[in-house]
Amino acid sequence: MKTHAYLYDVGTAEEEGLESEHHETPNIALWVGVLLAATLVVAIESEWLVGSLEVATKQLGLSELFTGVILLPIIGNAAEHATAVTVALKNKMDLSLAVAVGSSMQIALFVAPVLVIAGWLIGQPMDLDFNNFQLIAVAVSILIANSISSDGSSNWLEGTLLLATYTIIGLAFFFHPMIEGVG
């Protein structure tokens, strides 16, 4: 959680680069192994999280739709939320917005298509056939987020509007009736 500020001084960094002639190459196999092991641990913990959430939501009487759209993203993206808030507190709103929007884009443009293909490969089909209620919620969210962020500045009232929008959409998903066979 600490950096060496002198490394960012151009003259000092260049002198250190000249002093150390040998460059140690990273052990690619080791770091790929560490990455795979960390991915495996995260996958196992995610499975535990979803399993415990299933039990908790049944006991609380929450619908799968509400759990999947509201609760799971809050819990699953807690680290990204903390990063965005921390960076925003340091008055780096462009980075905070990039973290928040980048996360959503990553899910929409990478994770969802990969899950559809993976589901097809393992015989567990997953389609992207959303009902009208879900599509309207996404469209309203995009329109409001776009109108808030389009001017390049923000204030407390716009933040309150975004929180109010999230609360309204959360309540709508909470009270949305589940019809058998219609998602």
N, C-alpha and C. Protein backbone atom coordinates (compact mmCIF):
# COMPACT_ATOMS: atom_id res chain seq x y z
N MET A 1 0.81 -1.19 0.00
CA MET A 1 0.00 0.00 0.00
C MET A 1 0.86 1.26 0.00
N LYS A 2 2.12 1.10 -0.34
CA LYS A 2 3.04 2.23 -0.34
C LYS A 2 3.87 2.15 -1.61
N THR A 3 4.22 3.28 -2.14
CA THR A 3 5.05 3.28 -3.35
C THR A 3 6.33 4.05 -3.08
N HIS A 4 7.26 3.91 -3.96
CA HIS A 4 8.52 4.62 -3.86
C HIS A 4 8.46 5.78 -4.85
N ALA A 5 8.19 6.96 -4.32
CA ALA A 5 7.95 8.14 -5.17
C ALA A 5 9.17 8.48 -6.01
N TYR A 6 10.36 8.17 -5.52
CA TYR A 6 11.56 8.54 -6.27
C TYR A 6 11.65 7.80 -7.62
N LEU A 7 10.95 6.67 -7.75
CA LEU A 7 10.98 5.95 -9.02
C LEU A 7 10.28 6.71 -10.13
N TYR A 8 9.40 7.64 -9.75
CA TYR A 8 8.69 8.41 -10.76
C TYR A 8 9.46 9.64 -11.19
N ASP A 9 10.55 9.91 -10.54
CA ASP A 9 11.43 11.00 -10.96
C ASP A 9 12.24 10.49 -12.14
N VAL A 10 12.14 11.16 -13.28
CA VAL A 10 12.71 10.66 -14.53
C VAL A 10 14.22 10.46 -14.41
N GLY A 11 14.91 11.40 -13.85
CA GLY A 11 16.37 11.28 -13.74
C GLY A 11 16.78 10.12 -12.87
N THR A 12 16.13 9.93 -11.74
CA THR A 12 16.47 8.85 -10.82
C THR A 12 16.16 7.50 -11.43
N ALA A 13 15.02 7.38 -12.07
CA ALA A 13 14.62 6.11 -12.67
C ALA A 13 15.57 5.72 -13.79
N GLU A 14 16.03 6.69 -14.59
CA GLU A 14 16.96 6.38 -15.67
C GLU A 14 18.31 5.96 -15.10
N GLU A 15 18.77 6.61 -14.03
CA GLU A 15 20.05 6.23 -13.43
C GLU A 15 19.98 4.83 -12.87
N GLU A 16 18.88 4.48 -12.23
CA GLU A 16 18.75 3.13 -11.71
C GLU A 16 18.71 2.12 -12.84
N GLY A 17 18.09 2.48 -13.94
CA GLY A 17 18.03 1.58 -15.09
C GLY A 17 19.42 1.33 -15.65
N LEU A 18 20.29 2.33 -15.64
CA LEU A 18 21.65 2.17 -16.15
C LEU A 18 22.50 1.35 -15.19
N GLU A 19 22.28 1.50 -13.88
CA GLU A 19 23.07 0.79 -12.90
C GLU A 19 22.81 -0.71 -12.94
N SER A 20 21.57 -1.11 -13.10
CA SER A 20 21.28 -2.54 -13.12
C SER A 20 21.28 -3.01 -14.57
N GLU A 21 22.37 -3.60 -14.98
CA GLU A 21 22.55 -4.06 -16.36
C GLU A 21 21.76 -5.33 -16.65
N HIS A 22 21.70 -6.22 -15.71
CA HIS A 22 21.01 -7.48 -15.96
C HIS A 22 19.52 -7.34 -15.62
N HIS A 23 18.71 -7.82 -16.53
CA HIS A 23 17.27 -7.80 -16.34
C HIS A 23 16.81 -9.23 -16.13
N GLU A 24 16.22 -9.46 -15.00
CA GLU A 24 15.74 -10.79 -14.70
C GLU A 24 14.40 -11.02 -15.39
N THR A 25 14.31 -12.07 -16.19
CA THR A 25 13.06 -12.36 -16.88
C THR A 25 12.13 -13.10 -15.93
N PRO A 26 10.86 -12.76 -15.96
CA PRO A 26 9.92 -13.43 -15.05
C PRO A 26 9.70 -14.88 -15.46
N ASN A 27 9.43 -15.69 -14.49
CA ASN A 27 9.16 -17.10 -14.72
C ASN A 27 7.69 -17.23 -15.15
N ILE A 28 7.48 -17.29 -16.45
CA ILE A 28 6.12 -17.30 -17.02
C ILE A 28 5.33 -18.51 -16.53
N ALA A 29 5.94 -19.67 -16.50
CA ALA A 29 5.23 -20.87 -16.08
C ALA A 29 4.75 -20.74 -14.63
N LEU A 30 5.59 -20.19 -13.78
CA LEU A 30 5.21 -20.00 -12.38
C LEU A 30 4.02 -19.07 -12.25
N TRP A 31 4.07 -17.93 -12.95
CA TRP A 31 3.01 -16.94 -12.81
C TRP A 31 1.72 -17.38 -13.48
N VAL A 32 1.81 -18.15 -14.54
CA VAL A 32 0.60 -18.73 -15.15
C VAL A 32 -0.02 -19.73 -14.17
N GLY A 33 0.83 -20.52 -13.52
CA GLY A 33 0.35 -21.46 -12.50
C GLY A 33 -0.32 -20.74 -11.34
N VAL A 34 0.28 -19.65 -10.88
CA VAL A 34 -0.32 -18.86 -9.79
C VAL A 34 -1.67 -18.30 -10.23
N LEU A 35 -1.74 -17.79 -11.46
CA LEU A 35 -3.00 -17.26 -11.98
C LEU A 35 -4.07 -18.33 -12.07
N LEU A 36 -3.71 -19.51 -12.56
CA LEU A 36 -4.67 -20.61 -12.66
C LEU A 36 -5.13 -21.07 -11.28
N ALA A 37 -4.20 -21.15 -10.33
CA ALA A 37 -4.56 -21.55 -8.96
C ALA A 37 -5.50 -20.52 -8.33
N ALA A 38 -5.20 -19.25 -8.53
CA ALA A 38 -6.07 -18.20 -7.98
C ALA A 38 -7.45 -18.26 -8.63
N THR A 39 -7.49 -18.52 -9.93
CA THR A 39 -8.77 -18.64 -10.64
C THR A 39 -9.58 -19.81 -10.09
N LEU A 40 -8.91 -20.92 -9.82
CA LEU A 40 -9.58 -22.09 -9.27
C LEU A 40 -10.15 -21.79 -7.88
N VAL A 41 -9.37 -21.12 -7.05
CA VAL A 41 -9.84 -20.76 -5.70
C VAL A 41 -11.04 -19.82 -5.78
N VAL A 42 -10.97 -18.84 -6.66
CA VAL A 42 -12.10 -17.90 -6.82
C VAL A 42 -13.34 -18.63 -7.33
N ALA A 43 -13.17 -19.57 -8.25
CA ALA A 43 -14.31 -20.34 -8.76
C ALA A 43 -14.96 -21.16 -7.65
N ILE A 44 -14.14 -21.78 -6.81
CA ILE A 44 -14.68 -22.57 -5.70
C ILE A 44 -15.42 -21.67 -4.71
N GLU A 45 -14.81 -20.54 -4.38
CA GLU A 45 -15.47 -19.61 -3.45
C GLU A 45 -16.76 -19.05 -4.05
N SER A 46 -16.78 -18.80 -5.35
CA SER A 46 -17.99 -18.32 -6.00
C SER A 46 -19.10 -19.36 -5.92
N GLU A 47 -18.73 -20.61 -6.08
CA GLU A 47 -19.72 -21.68 -5.97
C GLU A 47 -20.28 -21.76 -4.56
N TRP A 48 -19.42 -21.60 -3.55
CA TRP A 48 -19.89 -21.58 -2.17
C TRP A 48 -20.83 -20.39 -1.94
N LEU A 49 -20.46 -19.23 -2.49
CA LEU A 49 -21.28 -18.04 -2.33
C LEU A 49 -22.66 -18.24 -2.92
N VAL A 50 -22.71 -18.75 -4.14
CA VAL A 50 -24.01 -18.98 -4.80
C VAL A 50 -24.82 -20.02 -4.04
N GLY A 51 -24.17 -21.06 -3.55
CA GLY A 51 -24.87 -22.08 -2.78
C GLY A 51 -25.48 -21.52 -1.51
N SER A 52 -24.71 -20.70 -0.80
CA SER A 52 -25.24 -20.11 0.43
C SER A 52 -26.32 -19.07 0.12
N LEU A 53 -26.17 -18.36 -1.00
CA LEU A 53 -27.20 -17.39 -1.38
C LEU A 53 -28.51 -18.08 -1.74
N GLU A 54 -28.42 -19.24 -2.38
CA GLU A 54 -29.64 -19.98 -2.74
C GLU A 54 -30.43 -20.34 -1.49
N VAL A 55 -29.73 -20.83 -0.46
CA VAL A 55 -30.39 -21.20 0.78
C VAL A 55 -30.98 -19.96 1.45
N ALA A 56 -30.19 -18.89 1.51
CA ALA A 56 -30.65 -17.66 2.18
C ALA A 56 -31.85 -17.04 1.46
N THR A 57 -31.82 -17.01 0.14
CA THR A 57 -32.93 -16.39 -0.59
C THR A 57 -34.21 -17.22 -0.47
N LYS A 58 -34.09 -18.53 -0.41
CA LYS A 58 -35.28 -19.36 -0.21
C LYS A 58 -35.87 -19.13 1.18
N GLN A 59 -34.99 -19.02 2.19
CA GLN A 59 -35.47 -18.79 3.55
C GLN A 59 -36.10 -17.40 3.69
N LEU A 60 -35.57 -16.42 2.96
CA LEU A 60 -36.11 -15.06 3.03
C LEU A 60 -37.28 -14.84 2.09
N GLY A 61 -37.53 -15.79 1.21
CA GLY A 61 -38.64 -15.67 0.27
C GLY A 61 -38.36 -14.74 -0.90
N LEU A 62 -37.10 -14.56 -1.24
CA LEU A 62 -36.73 -13.69 -2.36
C LEU A 62 -36.77 -14.48 -3.66
N SER A 63 -37.10 -13.81 -4.75
CA SER A 63 -37.15 -14.48 -6.05
C SER A 63 -35.74 -14.64 -6.62
N GLU A 64 -35.61 -15.60 -7.52
CA GLU A 64 -34.31 -15.81 -8.19
C GLU A 64 -33.95 -14.59 -9.04
N LEU A 65 -34.95 -13.95 -9.63
CA LEU A 65 -34.71 -12.77 -10.46
C LEU A 65 -34.11 -11.64 -9.62
N PHE A 66 -34.69 -11.36 -8.47
CA PHE A 66 -34.18 -10.30 -7.60
C PHE A 66 -32.77 -10.63 -7.12
N THR A 67 -32.57 -11.87 -6.73
CA THR A 67 -31.26 -12.30 -6.25
C THR A 67 -30.21 -12.16 -7.34
N GLY A 68 -30.53 -12.59 -8.55
CA GLY A 68 -29.56 -12.56 -9.64
C GLY A 68 -29.28 -11.18 -10.19
N VAL A 69 -30.28 -10.30 -10.13
CA VAL A 69 -30.12 -8.96 -10.72
C VAL A 69 -29.63 -7.95 -9.69
N ILE A 70 -30.01 -8.09 -8.44
CA ILE A 70 -29.68 -7.08 -7.43
C ILE A 70 -28.64 -7.58 -6.43
N LEU A 71 -28.92 -8.67 -5.72
CA LEU A 71 -28.03 -9.11 -4.64
C LEU A 71 -26.69 -9.64 -5.12
N LEU A 72 -26.71 -10.54 -6.08
CA LEU A 72 -25.46 -11.16 -6.53
C LEU A 72 -24.47 -10.15 -7.10
N PRO A 73 -24.90 -9.19 -7.93
CA PRO A 73 -23.92 -8.20 -8.41
C PRO A 73 -23.35 -7.32 -7.30
N ILE A 74 -24.16 -6.99 -6.29
CA ILE A 74 -23.64 -6.19 -5.19
C ILE A 74 -22.55 -6.95 -4.45
N ILE A 75 -22.81 -8.20 -4.13
CA ILE A 75 -21.85 -9.01 -3.38
C ILE A 75 -20.64 -9.36 -4.26
N GLY A 76 -20.90 -9.77 -5.50
CA GLY A 76 -19.82 -10.22 -6.37
C GLY A 76 -18.88 -9.11 -6.81
N ASN A 77 -19.37 -7.88 -6.88
CA ASN A 77 -18.53 -6.77 -7.35
C ASN A 77 -18.12 -5.84 -6.22
N ALA A 78 -18.11 -6.34 -4.99
CA ALA A 78 -17.79 -5.49 -3.84
C ALA A 78 -16.41 -4.86 -3.97
N ALA A 79 -15.44 -5.61 -4.49
CA ALA A 79 -14.08 -5.06 -4.63
C ALA A 79 -14.06 -3.92 -5.65
N GLU A 80 -14.79 -4.07 -6.75
CA GLU A 80 -14.84 -3.01 -7.75
C GLU A 80 -15.56 -1.78 -7.20
N HIS A 81 -16.64 -2.01 -6.43
CA HIS A 81 -17.35 -0.88 -5.82
C HIS A 81 -16.42 -0.13 -4.87
N ALA A 82 -15.68 -0.88 -4.05
CA ALA A 82 -14.77 -0.24 -3.09
C ALA A 82 -13.69 0.55 -3.83
N THR A 83 -13.18 0.00 -4.92
CA THR A 83 -12.17 0.71 -5.71
C THR A 83 -12.73 1.99 -6.29
N ALA A 84 -13.91 1.92 -6.87
CA ALA A 84 -14.52 3.10 -7.47
C ALA A 84 -14.77 4.19 -6.43
N VAL A 85 -15.25 3.81 -5.25
CA VAL A 85 -15.52 4.79 -4.20
C VAL A 85 -14.21 5.38 -3.67
N THR A 86 -13.21 4.54 -3.46
CA THR A 86 -11.92 5.02 -2.97
C THR A 86 -11.29 6.01 -3.93
N VAL A 87 -11.33 5.69 -5.21
CA VAL A 87 -10.75 6.57 -6.22
C VAL A 87 -11.57 7.87 -6.32
N ALA A 88 -12.89 7.77 -6.19
CA ALA A 88 -13.73 8.97 -6.23
C ALA A 88 -13.44 9.87 -5.04
N LEU A 89 -13.18 9.28 -3.87
CA LEU A 89 -12.84 10.08 -2.70
C LEU A 89 -11.52 10.84 -2.89
N LYS A 90 -10.66 10.32 -3.75
CA LYS A 90 -9.40 10.99 -4.06
C LYS A 90 -9.57 11.99 -5.20
N ASN A 91 -10.82 12.27 -5.57
CA ASN A 91 -11.18 13.24 -6.60
C ASN A 91 -10.65 12.84 -7.99
N LYS A 92 -10.66 11.56 -8.27
CA LYS A 92 -10.28 11.05 -9.59
C LYS A 92 -11.51 10.41 -10.22
N MET A 93 -12.47 11.25 -10.55
CA MET A 93 -13.76 10.77 -11.02
C MET A 93 -13.67 10.05 -12.35
N ASP A 94 -12.73 10.46 -13.20
CA ASP A 94 -12.60 9.78 -14.49
C ASP A 94 -12.21 8.31 -14.28
N LEU A 95 -11.31 8.05 -13.35
CA LEU A 95 -10.92 6.67 -13.07
C LEU A 95 -12.05 5.91 -12.39
N SER A 96 -12.76 6.58 -11.49
CA SER A 96 -13.88 5.94 -10.81
C SER A 96 -14.96 5.53 -11.81
N LEU A 97 -15.27 6.42 -12.74
CA LEU A 97 -16.26 6.11 -13.76
C LEU A 97 -15.76 5.00 -14.69
N ALA A 98 -14.48 5.03 -15.00
CA ALA A 98 -13.91 3.99 -15.86
C ALA A 98 -14.01 2.62 -15.20
N VAL A 99 -13.80 2.55 -13.89
CA VAL A 99 -13.92 1.28 -13.17
C VAL A 99 -15.36 0.79 -13.22
N ALA A 100 -16.30 1.68 -12.95
CA ALA A 100 -17.71 1.29 -12.91
C ALA A 100 -18.24 0.90 -14.28
N VAL A 101 -17.99 1.73 -15.27
CA VAL A 101 -18.50 1.46 -16.61
C VAL A 101 -17.73 0.30 -17.26
N GLY A 102 -16.44 0.25 -17.02
CA GLY A 102 -15.63 -0.84 -17.57
C GLY A 102 -16.08 -2.20 -17.09
N SER A 103 -16.47 -2.27 -15.83
CA SER A 103 -16.97 -3.53 -15.28
C SER A 103 -18.24 -3.96 -16.00
N SER A 104 -19.15 -3.04 -16.20
CA SER A 104 -20.41 -3.36 -16.89
C SER A 104 -20.15 -3.78 -18.33
N MET A 105 -19.25 -3.07 -18.99
CA MET A 105 -18.94 -3.41 -20.38
C MET A 105 -18.28 -4.77 -20.47
N GLN A 106 -17.43 -5.10 -19.51
CA GLN A 106 -16.76 -6.40 -19.51
C GLN A 106 -17.79 -7.52 -19.39
N ILE A 107 -18.76 -7.35 -18.53
CA ILE A 107 -19.81 -8.37 -18.38
C ILE A 107 -20.62 -8.50 -19.66
N ALA A 108 -21.04 -7.36 -20.22
CA ALA A 108 -21.91 -7.38 -21.39
C ALA A 108 -21.21 -7.87 -22.65
N LEU A 109 -19.96 -7.47 -22.83
CA LEU A 109 -19.28 -7.77 -24.09
C LEU A 109 -18.39 -9.00 -24.06
N PHE A 110 -18.03 -9.47 -22.86
CA PHE A 110 -17.14 -10.63 -22.79
C PHE A 110 -17.76 -11.80 -22.03
N VAL A 111 -18.13 -11.56 -20.78
CA VAL A 111 -18.56 -12.65 -19.91
C VAL A 111 -19.85 -13.30 -20.41
N ALA A 112 -20.86 -12.49 -20.75
CA ALA A 112 -22.13 -13.08 -21.19
C ALA A 112 -21.97 -13.93 -22.46
N PRO A 113 -21.28 -13.43 -23.50
CA PRO A 113 -21.10 -14.30 -24.68
C PRO A 113 -20.28 -15.57 -24.38
N VAL A 114 -19.27 -15.45 -23.52
CA VAL A 114 -18.47 -16.63 -23.17
C VAL A 114 -19.34 -17.64 -22.42
N LEU A 115 -20.22 -17.16 -21.53
CA LEU A 115 -21.11 -18.08 -20.82
C LEU A 115 -22.09 -18.76 -21.76
N VAL A 116 -22.59 -18.05 -22.75
CA VAL A 116 -23.49 -18.66 -23.73
C VAL A 116 -22.76 -19.77 -24.50
N ILE A 117 -21.55 -19.49 -24.94
CA ILE A 117 -20.78 -20.49 -25.68
C ILE A 117 -20.40 -21.67 -24.79
N ALA A 118 -19.95 -21.38 -23.56
CA ALA A 118 -19.59 -22.46 -22.63
C ALA A 118 -20.80 -23.32 -22.30
N GLY A 119 -21.96 -22.69 -22.10
CA GLY A 119 -23.18 -23.45 -21.84
C GLY A 119 -23.54 -24.36 -23.00
N TRP A 120 -23.35 -23.86 -24.20
CA TRP A 120 -23.62 -24.68 -25.39
C TRP A 120 -22.67 -25.87 -25.46
N LEU A 121 -21.39 -25.63 -25.11
CA LEU A 121 -20.41 -26.71 -25.18
C LEU A 121 -20.65 -27.80 -24.14
N ILE A 122 -21.13 -27.44 -22.96
CA ILE A 122 -21.34 -28.45 -21.92
C ILE A 122 -22.77 -28.96 -21.88
N GLY A 123 -23.60 -28.52 -22.83
CA GLY A 123 -24.96 -29.02 -22.91
C GLY A 123 -25.92 -28.36 -21.94
N GLN A 124 -25.57 -27.22 -21.41
CA GLN A 124 -26.44 -26.47 -20.51
C GLN A 124 -26.76 -25.14 -21.20
N PRO A 125 -27.78 -25.12 -22.07
CA PRO A 125 -28.02 -23.93 -22.88
C PRO A 125 -28.39 -22.70 -22.04
N MET A 126 -27.83 -21.59 -22.44
CA MET A 126 -28.15 -20.30 -21.83
C MET A 126 -28.39 -19.34 -22.98
N ASP A 127 -29.57 -18.80 -23.03
CA ASP A 127 -29.84 -17.86 -24.11
C ASP A 127 -29.86 -16.44 -23.55
N LEU A 128 -29.91 -15.49 -24.42
CA LEU A 128 -29.98 -14.09 -24.03
C LEU A 128 -31.37 -13.54 -24.33
N ASP A 129 -32.37 -14.37 -24.12
CA ASP A 129 -33.76 -14.01 -24.38
C ASP A 129 -34.35 -13.41 -23.11
N PHE A 130 -34.33 -12.08 -23.04
CA PHE A 130 -34.84 -11.37 -21.87
C PHE A 130 -36.29 -10.96 -22.10
N ASN A 131 -37.05 -10.89 -21.01
CA ASN A 131 -38.43 -10.44 -21.16
C ASN A 131 -38.49 -8.92 -21.23
N ASN A 132 -39.67 -8.38 -21.53
CA ASN A 132 -39.82 -6.94 -21.70
C ASN A 132 -39.44 -6.15 -20.45
N PHE A 133 -39.81 -6.66 -19.29
CA PHE A 133 -39.50 -6.00 -18.03
C PHE A 133 -37.99 -5.81 -17.86
N GLN A 134 -37.23 -6.86 -18.13
CA GLN A 134 -35.77 -6.79 -17.98
C GLN A 134 -35.17 -5.84 -19.01
N LEU A 135 -35.67 -5.88 -20.25
CA LEU A 135 -35.15 -4.99 -21.29
C LEU A 135 -35.43 -3.52 -20.97
N ILE A 136 -36.61 -3.24 -20.46
CA ILE A 136 -36.95 -1.85 -20.10
C ILE A 136 -36.06 -1.38 -18.95
N ALA A 137 -35.81 -2.24 -17.97
CA ALA A 137 -34.94 -1.87 -16.85
C ALA A 137 -33.53 -1.55 -17.33
N VAL A 138 -33.02 -2.35 -18.25
CA VAL A 138 -31.68 -2.09 -18.80
C VAL A 138 -31.68 -0.80 -19.61
N ALA A 139 -32.69 -0.59 -20.43
CA ALA A 139 -32.75 0.61 -21.27
C ALA A 139 -32.85 1.87 -20.41
N VAL A 140 -33.68 1.85 -19.37
CA VAL A 140 -33.81 3.01 -18.48
C VAL A 140 -32.48 3.27 -17.77
N SER A 141 -31.83 2.22 -17.31
CA SER A 141 -30.54 2.38 -16.63
C SER A 141 -29.51 3.01 -17.56
N ILE A 142 -29.45 2.55 -18.79
CA ILE A 142 -28.48 3.08 -19.75
C ILE A 142 -28.78 4.54 -20.07
N LEU A 143 -30.04 4.84 -20.30
CA LEU A 143 -30.41 6.23 -20.63
C LEU A 143 -30.08 7.19 -19.49
N ILE A 144 -30.39 6.82 -18.27
CA ILE A 144 -30.12 7.71 -17.14
C ILE A 144 -28.62 7.83 -16.89
N ALA A 145 -27.89 6.72 -16.93
CA ALA A 145 -26.43 6.78 -16.74
C ALA A 145 -25.77 7.61 -17.83
N ASN A 146 -26.25 7.48 -19.06
CA ASN A 146 -25.70 8.26 -20.16
C ASN A 146 -25.99 9.75 -19.99
N SER A 147 -27.20 10.09 -19.59
CA SER A 147 -27.53 11.50 -19.42
C SER A 147 -26.77 12.12 -18.25
N ILE A 148 -26.49 11.34 -17.23
CA ILE A 148 -25.73 11.84 -16.08
C ILE A 148 -24.27 12.05 -16.45
N SER A 149 -23.70 11.12 -17.18
CA SER A 149 -22.25 11.17 -17.45
C SER A 149 -21.89 11.94 -18.72
N SER A 150 -22.86 12.35 -19.51
CA SER A 150 -22.54 12.96 -20.80
C SER A 150 -21.89 14.33 -20.70
N ASP A 151 -22.16 15.08 -19.63
CA ASP A 151 -21.59 16.42 -19.54
C ASP A 151 -20.18 16.43 -18.95
N GLY A 152 -19.70 15.30 -18.47
CA GLY A 152 -18.33 15.21 -17.98
C GLY A 152 -18.14 15.73 -16.57
N SER A 153 -19.21 16.08 -15.88
CA SER A 153 -19.09 16.52 -14.49
C SER A 153 -20.21 15.88 -13.69
N SER A 154 -20.07 15.94 -12.37
CA SER A 154 -21.09 15.35 -11.53
C SER A 154 -21.26 16.20 -10.28
N ASN A 155 -22.38 16.01 -9.62
CA ASN A 155 -22.64 16.68 -8.36
C ASN A 155 -23.48 15.75 -7.49
N TRP A 156 -23.78 16.19 -6.29
CA TRP A 156 -24.49 15.34 -5.35
C TRP A 156 -25.89 15.01 -5.83
N LEU A 157 -26.53 15.93 -6.55
CA LEU A 157 -27.88 15.68 -7.01
C LEU A 157 -27.92 14.56 -8.06
N GLU A 158 -26.92 14.55 -8.95
CA GLU A 158 -26.86 13.48 -9.95
C GLU A 158 -26.57 12.14 -9.28
N GLY A 159 -25.74 12.15 -8.26
CA GLY A 159 -25.49 10.91 -7.52
C GLY A 159 -26.74 10.41 -6.83
N THR A 160 -27.50 11.34 -6.27
CA THR A 160 -28.76 10.98 -5.64
C THR A 160 -29.74 10.42 -6.66
N LEU A 161 -29.75 11.00 -7.86
CA LEU A 161 -30.62 10.49 -8.93
C LEU A 161 -30.25 9.06 -9.30
N LEU A 162 -28.96 8.79 -9.41
CA LEU A 162 -28.53 7.43 -9.73
C LEU A 162 -28.90 6.44 -8.63
N LEU A 163 -28.72 6.83 -7.36
CA LEU A 163 -29.10 5.96 -6.25
C LEU A 163 -30.61 5.74 -6.22
N ALA A 164 -31.37 6.79 -6.49
CA ALA A 164 -32.84 6.66 -6.53
C ALA A 164 -33.26 5.73 -7.66
N THR A 165 -32.62 5.85 -8.81
CA THR A 165 -32.93 4.97 -9.94
C THR A 165 -32.65 3.52 -9.58
N TYR A 166 -31.50 3.28 -8.94
CA TYR A 166 -31.14 1.93 -8.54
C TYR A 166 -32.15 1.38 -7.53
N THR A 167 -32.58 2.22 -6.60
CA THR A 167 -33.55 1.79 -5.60
C THR A 167 -34.89 1.45 -6.25
N ILE A 168 -35.33 2.28 -7.18
CA ILE A 168 -36.60 2.03 -7.86
C ILE A 168 -36.53 0.74 -8.68
N ILE A 169 -35.44 0.56 -9.41
CA ILE A 169 -35.30 -0.67 -10.20
C ILE A 169 -35.20 -1.89 -9.28
N GLY A 170 -34.48 -1.75 -8.17
CA GLY A 170 -34.40 -2.85 -7.20
C GLY A 170 -35.76 -3.21 -6.64
N LEU A 171 -36.55 -2.20 -6.28
CA LEU A 171 -37.90 -2.47 -5.79
C LEU A 171 -38.78 -3.09 -6.87
N ALA A 172 -38.61 -2.63 -8.11
CA ALA A 172 -39.39 -3.21 -9.21
C ALA A 172 -39.05 -4.69 -9.38
N PHE A 173 -37.78 -5.04 -9.29
CA PHE A 173 -37.40 -6.45 -9.40
C PHE A 173 -37.86 -7.24 -8.19
N PHE A 174 -37.89 -6.61 -7.02
CA PHE A 174 -38.34 -7.29 -5.81
C PHE A 174 -39.82 -7.65 -5.90
N PHE A 175 -40.63 -6.72 -6.41
CA PHE A 175 -42.07 -6.94 -6.46
C PHE A 175 -42.55 -7.50 -7.80
N HIS A 176 -41.65 -7.72 -8.75
CA HIS A 176 -42.05 -8.25 -10.06
C HIS A 176 -42.59 -9.67 -9.89
N PRO A 177 -43.79 -9.92 -10.39
CA PRO A 177 -44.35 -11.27 -10.25
C PRO A 177 -43.64 -12.26 -11.14
N MET A 178 -43.37 -13.41 -10.59
CA MET A 178 -42.74 -14.49 -11.36
C MET A 178 -43.84 -15.38 -11.91
N ILE A 179 -43.92 -15.49 -13.22
CA ILE A 179 -44.89 -16.34 -13.89
C ILE A 179 -44.16 -17.58 -14.37
N GLU A 180 -44.68 -18.74 -14.04
CA GLU A 180 -44.03 -19.99 -14.42
C GLU A 180 -43.84 -20.08 -15.92
N GLY A 181 -42.62 -20.40 -16.33
CA GLY A 181 -42.31 -20.57 -17.74
C GLY A 181 -42.00 -19.30 -18.46
N VAL A 182 -42.13 -18.12 -17.79
CA VAL A 182 -41.84 -16.84 -18.47
C VAL A 182 -40.63 -16.19 -17.82
N GLY A 183 -39.73 -16.40 -17.19
CA GLY A 183 -38.64 -15.71 -16.54
C GLY A 183 -38.99 -14.45 -15.98
